[in-house]
């Protein structure tokens, strides 16, 4: 076998399995799917709170209400179930989207050389791999995220996931499901770049501090690194998340509509009507969502990878 053929086989092997865990393509998908489901199901009430706050106009009496008081008002007026409207849509989308998300990340990281066993941190490779991952996964999740956010709104006109999908197709056309996709990708590209680069960097630092391979210590590393990455990435991309939410929910429950999906025109309209502070609406619940969500997601993902690795060795 010539050297070029050997190199090609090695590249294919790396693409389907990282040097650290030797997991195959399908195992990344299983681990990512489980992690995504756990993350979004556990943190859904906080996500509802964030969506509600981002959709408020400046004239709303709750505009400046603290997060705790705003949460209490939802529970008081709608009951605990008000925090879970739309969870079925997220349940349908989170698994497949995160399966794509983590698989593309692992494969991209390996092909770009970020999974080399040299112990070095490769922030640009990790960031680029994250951008590839979110571009692919957002194509899967965006339609169901649109449905989810419309159902999360107070006095949502939709009875459920099926009703929302049917009415959107009939009244707005299929394109309505992807109007926010460019904004979503533009938001998630820097979010994921910061997220993955921060996660890998913090994980490397903490792993060097706690070198012992004790399960509890490894879990703490993933939880801490994931939490830090989620909080930072969530905070810096809040303005774009506000724009994405407004585009996805435009025209529903009296919300403003936009002539195009242009991010610039949406920002201009929001700022002109409500002031620059409108772009930071939902900052606290967004950070409160992404810090524990990322910690939960990464620790679940890494635990699932370890579990599947042990199963493959025992088989």
Protein backbone atom coordinates (compact mmCIF):
# COMPACT_ATOMS: atom_id res chain seq x y z
CA UNK A 1 0.00 0.00 0.00
CA UNK A 2 1.44 3.38 -1.01
CA UNK A 3 1.84 6.23 1.52
CA UNK A 4 -0.99 8.27 0.00
CA UNK A 5 -3.44 5.38 0.44
CA UNK A 6 -2.31 4.90 4.03
CA UNK A 7 -2.79 8.62 4.70
CA UNK A 8 -6.30 8.50 3.23
CA UNK A 9 -7.27 5.60 5.47
CA UNK A 10 -5.87 7.40 8.51
CA UNK A 11 -7.90 10.53 7.65
CA UNK A 12 -11.10 8.50 7.32
CA UNK A 13 -10.38 6.84 10.63
CA UNK A 14 -9.87 10.19 12.35
CA UNK A 15 -13.02 11.60 10.82
CA UNK A 16 -15.21 8.86 12.26
CA UNK A 17 -13.39 8.52 15.54
CA UNK A 18 -11.32 10.98 17.54
CA UNK A 19 -7.91 9.85 18.83
CA UNK A 20 -8.99 10.30 22.43
CA UNK A 21 -12.03 8.05 22.57
CA UNK A 22 -12.08 5.98 19.35
CA UNK A 23 -15.82 6.42 19.07
CA UNK A 24 -17.52 5.81 15.77
CA UNK A 25 -19.76 8.20 13.88
CA UNK A 26 -23.02 6.77 15.22
CA UNK A 27 -21.84 6.95 18.82
CA UNK A 28 -21.23 10.69 18.53
CA UNK A 29 -24.79 10.98 17.28
CA UNK A 30 -26.23 8.99 20.20
CA UNK A 31 -24.22 10.87 22.81
CA UNK A 32 -25.08 14.24 21.23
CA UNK A 33 -28.77 13.38 20.92
CA UNK A 34 -29.06 12.37 24.58
CA UNK A 35 -27.12 15.45 25.71
CA UNK A 36 -29.34 17.79 23.68
CA UNK A 37 -32.55 16.26 24.99
CA UNK A 38 -31.38 16.45 28.61
CA UNK A 39 -30.20 20.04 28.23
CA UNK A 40 -33.31 21.49 26.61
CA UNK A 41 -35.90 19.54 28.57
CA UNK A 42 -34.32 20.46 31.91
CA UNK A 43 -33.87 24.14 31.08
CA UNK A 44 -37.09 24.73 29.14
CA UNK A 45 -38.83 26.97 31.75
CA UNK A 46 -35.87 29.38 31.69
CA UNK A 47 -36.00 29.40 27.90
CA UNK A 48 -39.70 30.32 28.04
CA UNK A 49 -38.88 33.17 30.43
CA UNK A 50 -36.19 34.46 28.07
CA UNK A 51 -38.51 34.32 25.05
CA UNK A 52 -41.28 36.20 26.88
CA UNK A 53 -38.90 38.94 28.02
CA UNK A 54 -37.41 39.38 24.56
CA UNK A 55 -40.85 39.84 23.02
CA UNK A 56 -41.91 42.62 25.37
CA UNK A 57 -42.38 46.12 24.01
CA UNK A 58 -41.08 49.07 26.02
CA UNK A 59 -44.66 50.02 26.89
CA UNK A 60 -45.22 46.76 28.75
CA UNK A 61 -45.68 47.15 32.52
CA UNK A 62 -43.31 44.21 33.03
CA UNK A 63 -40.56 45.73 30.88
CA UNK A 64 -38.25 46.49 33.78
CA UNK A 65 -39.51 43.79 36.15
CA UNK A 66 -36.79 41.66 37.77
CA UNK A 67 -36.44 38.11 36.47
CA UNK A 68 -37.84 36.56 39.65
CA UNK A 69 -40.92 38.77 39.67
CA UNK A 70 -41.52 38.18 35.97
CA UNK A 71 -41.30 34.41 36.52
CA UNK A 72 -43.74 34.62 39.42
CA UNK A 73 -46.23 36.56 37.28
CA UNK A 74 -46.24 33.81 34.65
CA UNK A 75 -46.80 31.06 37.22
CA UNK A 76 -49.47 33.10 38.98
CA UNK A 77 -51.46 33.91 35.83
CA UNK A 78 -50.96 30.69 33.84
CA UNK A 79 -49.81 28.08 36.31
CA UNK A 80 -46.59 26.03 36.05
CA UNK A 81 -47.77 24.62 32.71
CA UNK A 82 -47.34 28.10 31.20
CA UNK A 83 -43.58 27.60 31.42
CA UNK A 84 -43.75 24.41 29.34
CA UNK A 85 -45.81 25.43 26.32
CA UNK A 86 -43.92 24.36 23.20
CA UNK A 87 -41.80 21.71 24.91
CA UNK A 88 -43.08 19.05 22.50
CA UNK A 89 -41.59 20.96 19.55
CA UNK A 90 -38.24 21.16 21.29
CA UNK A 91 -38.47 17.48 22.18
CA UNK A 92 -38.85 16.64 18.49
CA UNK A 93 -35.98 18.87 17.38
CA UNK A 94 -33.35 18.79 20.14
CA UNK A 95 -32.29 15.16 19.70
CA UNK A 96 -31.66 15.14 15.93
CA UNK A 97 -30.18 18.66 15.94
CA UNK A 98 -27.67 17.89 18.69
CA UNK A 99 -26.80 14.56 17.08
CA UNK A 100 -25.78 16.55 13.99
CA UNK A 101 -24.18 19.27 16.14
CA UNK A 102 -21.74 17.10 18.07
CA UNK A 103 -21.00 14.74 15.17
CA UNK A 104 -20.05 17.57 12.82
CA UNK A 105 -18.00 19.17 15.60
CA UNK A 106 -16.04 16.00 16.37
CA UNK A 107 -15.45 15.18 12.70
CA UNK A 108 -14.45 18.76 11.81
CA UNK A 109 -12.14 19.01 14.82
CA UNK A 110 -10.42 15.77 13.84
CA UNK A 111 -10.06 16.66 10.16
CA UNK A 112 -8.68 20.12 10.97
CA UNK A 113 -6.12 18.68 13.38
CA UNK A 114 -7.68 19.84 16.64
CA UNK A 115 -7.99 16.31 17.99
CA UNK A 116 -4.28 15.53 17.73
CA UNK A 117 -2.80 13.75 20.70
CA UNK A 118 -0.24 16.49 21.35
CA UNK A 119 -2.05 17.90 24.40
CA UNK A 120 -2.18 21.38 22.87
CA UNK A 121 -5.17 23.71 22.76
CA UNK A 122 -6.26 24.76 19.26
CA UNK A 123 -8.73 27.61 19.78
CA UNK A 124 -9.12 28.53 16.09
CA UNK A 125 -9.72 24.92 15.09
CA UNK A 126 -12.22 24.42 17.90
CA UNK A 127 -13.97 27.68 16.99
CA UNK A 128 -14.12 26.82 13.28
CA UNK A 129 -15.40 23.32 14.04
CA UNK A 130 -18.11 24.85 16.21
CA UNK A 131 -19.20 27.15 13.37
CA UNK A 132 -19.50 24.19 10.99
CA UNK A 133 -21.46 22.28 13.62
CA UNK A 134 -23.98 25.00 14.33
CA UNK A 135 -24.56 25.78 10.64
CA UNK A 136 -25.57 22.15 10.05
CA UNK A 137 -27.59 21.67 13.24
CA UNK A 138 -29.48 24.96 12.87
CA UNK A 139 -30.82 23.74 9.53
CA UNK A 140 -32.44 20.88 11.46
CA UNK A 141 -33.60 22.79 14.54
CA UNK A 142 -34.73 26.19 13.21
CA UNK A 143 -38.22 25.15 11.97
CA UNK A 144 -39.09 23.51 15.29
CA UNK A 145 -37.51 26.37 17.23
CA UNK A 146 -39.87 28.76 15.39
CA UNK A 147 -42.85 26.61 16.40
CA UNK A 148 -41.55 26.36 19.96
CA UNK A 149 -41.16 30.10 20.41
CA UNK A 150 -44.58 30.88 18.97
CA UNK A 151 -46.14 28.45 21.42
CA UNK A 152 -44.17 29.98 24.31
CA UNK A 153 -45.79 33.39 23.85
CA UNK A 154 -48.42 34.62 26.28
CA UNK A 155 -51.88 34.11 24.76
CA UNK A 156 -50.39 32.17 21.85
CA UNK A 157 -53.09 31.63 19.19
CA UNK A 158 -51.91 28.08 18.49
CA UNK A 159 -53.33 24.96 20.16
CA UNK A 160 -50.19 22.87 19.80
CA UNK A 161 -47.32 21.84 17.52
CA UNK A 162 -49.50 20.34 14.79
CA UNK A 163 -51.88 23.32 14.75
CA UNK A 164 -48.99 25.78 14.60
CA UNK A 165 -47.28 23.97 11.71
CA UNK A 166 -50.48 23.65 9.66
CA UNK A 167 -51.49 27.28 10.16
CA UNK A 168 -48.01 28.60 9.41
CA UNK A 169 -47.82 26.65 6.15
CA UNK A 170 -51.32 27.73 5.14
CA UNK A 171 -51.03 31.40 6.15
CA UNK A 172 -47.33 32.20 5.68
CA UNK A 173 -45.88 29.45 3.54
CA UNK A 174 -42.99 27.09 4.18
CA UNK A 175 -40.46 29.95 4.05
CA UNK A 176 -41.79 31.21 7.40
CA UNK A 177 -39.97 28.35 9.12
CA UNK A 178 -36.61 29.57 7.81
CA UNK A 179 -36.98 33.37 7.84
CA UNK A 180 -34.79 33.53 10.95
CA UNK A 181 -32.22 30.95 9.74
CA UNK A 182 -29.63 33.53 8.51
CA UNK A 183 -29.95 35.40 11.80
CA UNK A 184 -29.76 32.16 13.75
CA UNK A 185 -26.57 31.10 11.99
CA UNK A 186 -25.07 34.59 12.33
CA UNK A 187 -25.87 34.50 16.05
CA UNK A 188 -24.80 30.92 16.66
CA UNK A 189 -21.57 31.19 14.68
CA UNK A 190 -19.90 33.57 17.21
CA UNK A 191 -21.82 31.89 20.05
CA UNK A 192 -20.48 28.46 19.16
CA UNK A 193 -17.01 29.75 18.33
CA UNK A 194 -16.75 31.36 21.78
CA UNK A 195 -18.48 28.39 23.40
CA UNK A 196 -16.27 25.62 22.03
CA UNK A 197 -13.02 27.57 22.27
CA UNK A 198 -13.78 28.51 25.89
CA UNK A 199 -14.90 25.00 26.78
CA UNK A 200 -11.78 23.35 25.37
CA UNK A 201 -9.50 25.96 26.96
CA UNK A 202 -11.06 25.75 30.44
CA UNK A 203 -11.21 21.95 30.22
CA UNK A 204 -7.50 21.82 29.39
CA UNK A 205 -6.58 24.09 32.31
CA UNK A 206 -8.75 22.21 34.79
CA UNK A 207 -7.58 18.82 33.52
CA UNK A 208 -3.99 19.83 34.20
CA UNK A 209 -4.92 20.88 37.73
CA UNK A 210 -6.84 17.65 38.43
CA UNK A 211 -4.71 15.08 36.66
CA UNK A 212 -6.23 12.10 38.47
CA UNK A 213 -8.68 10.06 36.39
CA UNK A 214 -11.31 10.04 39.13
CA UNK A 215 -14.85 10.08 37.77
CA UNK A 216 -16.06 12.83 40.08
CA UNK A 217 -13.13 15.07 39.20
CA UNK A 218 -13.59 14.55 35.47
CA UNK A 219 -17.29 15.34 35.83
CA UNK A 220 -16.46 18.55 37.70
CA UNK A 221 -14.11 19.56 34.88
CA UNK A 222 -16.81 19.16 32.25
CA UNK A 223 -19.44 20.90 34.38
CA UNK A 224 -17.21 23.87 35.16
CA UNK A 225 -15.83 24.26 31.64
CA UNK A 226 -19.29 23.90 30.10
CA UNK A 227 -20.85 26.40 32.50
CA UNK A 228 -18.18 29.01 31.87
CA UNK A 229 -18.41 28.56 28.10
CA UNK A 230 -22.22 28.75 28.07
CA UNK A 231 -22.39 31.88 30.24
CA UNK A 232 -19.82 33.83 28.21
CA UNK A 233 -21.18 32.81 24.80
CA UNK A 234 -24.77 33.47 25.86
CA UNK A 235 -24.00 36.94 27.17
CA UNK A 236 -22.10 38.25 24.14
CA UNK A 237 -24.69 37.07 21.61
CA UNK A 238 -27.85 38.30 23.39
CA UNK A 239 -28.60 41.17 20.92
CA UNK A 240 -28.64 38.76 17.98
CA UNK A 241 -30.82 36.37 19.95
CA UNK A 242 -33.34 39.17 20.51
CA UNK A 243 -33.44 39.80 16.74
CA UNK A 244 -33.87 36.08 16.05
CA UNK A 245 -36.77 35.83 18.51
CA UNK A 246 -38.51 38.89 17.06
CA UNK A 247 -38.19 37.51 13.51
CA UNK A 248 -39.48 34.10 14.50
CA UNK A 249 -42.50 35.49 16.37
CA UNK A 250 -43.32 38.46 14.14
CA UNK A 251 -47.00 39.12 13.70
CA UNK A 252 -48.01 36.79 16.54
CA UNK A 253 -49.92 38.19 19.54
CA UNK A 254 -49.62 41.72 18.13
CA UNK A 255 -45.84 41.58 17.71
CA UNK A 256 -44.18 43.83 15.13
CA UNK A 257 -43.63 42.52 11.62
CA UNK A 258 -40.54 43.09 9.48
CA UNK A 259 -40.44 43.73 5.75
CA UNK A 260 -37.42 41.49 5.32
CA UNK A 261 -35.22 39.08 7.23
CA UNK A 262 -32.38 41.61 7.21
CA UNK A 263 -30.65 41.69 10.58
CA UNK A 264 -29.65 45.33 10.11
CA UNK A 265 -33.18 46.49 9.32
CA UNK A 266 -34.59 44.50 12.26
CA UNK A 267 -32.07 46.02 14.68
CA UNK A 268 -32.75 49.50 13.27
CA UNK A 269 -36.50 49.12 13.76
CA UNK A 270 -36.19 47.69 17.29
CA UNK A 271 -33.78 50.41 18.44
CA UNK A 272 -35.85 53.20 16.85
CA UNK A 273 -39.02 52.05 18.60
CA UNK A 274 -37.73 50.78 21.95
CA UNK A 275 -34.20 52.08 22.38
CA UNK A 276 -30.84 50.24 22.45
CA UNK A 277 -31.71 48.58 25.78
CA UNK A 278 -34.27 46.42 23.94
CA UNK A 279 -31.38 44.44 22.45
CA UNK A 280 -30.35 43.29 25.93
CA UNK A 281 -33.80 42.07 26.93
CA UNK A 282 -33.58 38.56 28.31
CA UNK A 283 -29.85 38.81 29.07
CA UNK A 284 -30.15 37.44 32.60
CA UNK A 285 -32.39 34.47 31.77
CA UNK A 286 -30.24 33.77 28.69
CA UNK A 287 -27.12 33.51 30.85
CA UNK A 288 -29.08 31.61 33.50
CA UNK A 289 -30.13 29.24 30.73
CA UNK A 290 -26.84 28.71 28.93
CA UNK A 291 -24.52 28.35 31.95
CA UNK A 292 -26.28 25.34 33.54
CA UNK A 293 -27.54 24.09 30.16
CA UNK A 294 -24.01 23.92 28.74
CA UNK A 295 -22.70 22.34 31.94
CA UNK A 296 -25.46 19.74 31.79
CA UNK A 297 -25.07 19.18 28.06
CA UNK A 298 -21.28 18.74 28.07
CA UNK A 299 -21.21 16.54 31.17
CA UNK A 300 -23.98 14.35 29.71
CA UNK A 301 -22.24 14.19 26.34
CA UNK A 302 -18.87 13.25 27.82
CA UNK A 303 -20.49 10.72 30.17
CA UNK A 304 -22.37 9.12 27.27
CA UNK A 305 -19.18 8.93 25.22
CA UNK A 306 -17.40 7.19 28.11
CA UNK A 307 -20.33 4.82 28.61
CA UNK A 308 -20.49 3.91 24.93
CA UNK A 309 -16.73 3.49 24.84
CA UNK A 310 -16.86 1.00 27.74
CA UNK A 311 -19.71 -0.86 26.04
CA UNK A 312 -17.73 -1.14 22.78
CA UNK A 313 -14.70 -2.48 24.65
CA UNK A 314 -16.78 -5.04 26.50
CA UNK A 315 -18.59 -6.17 23.36
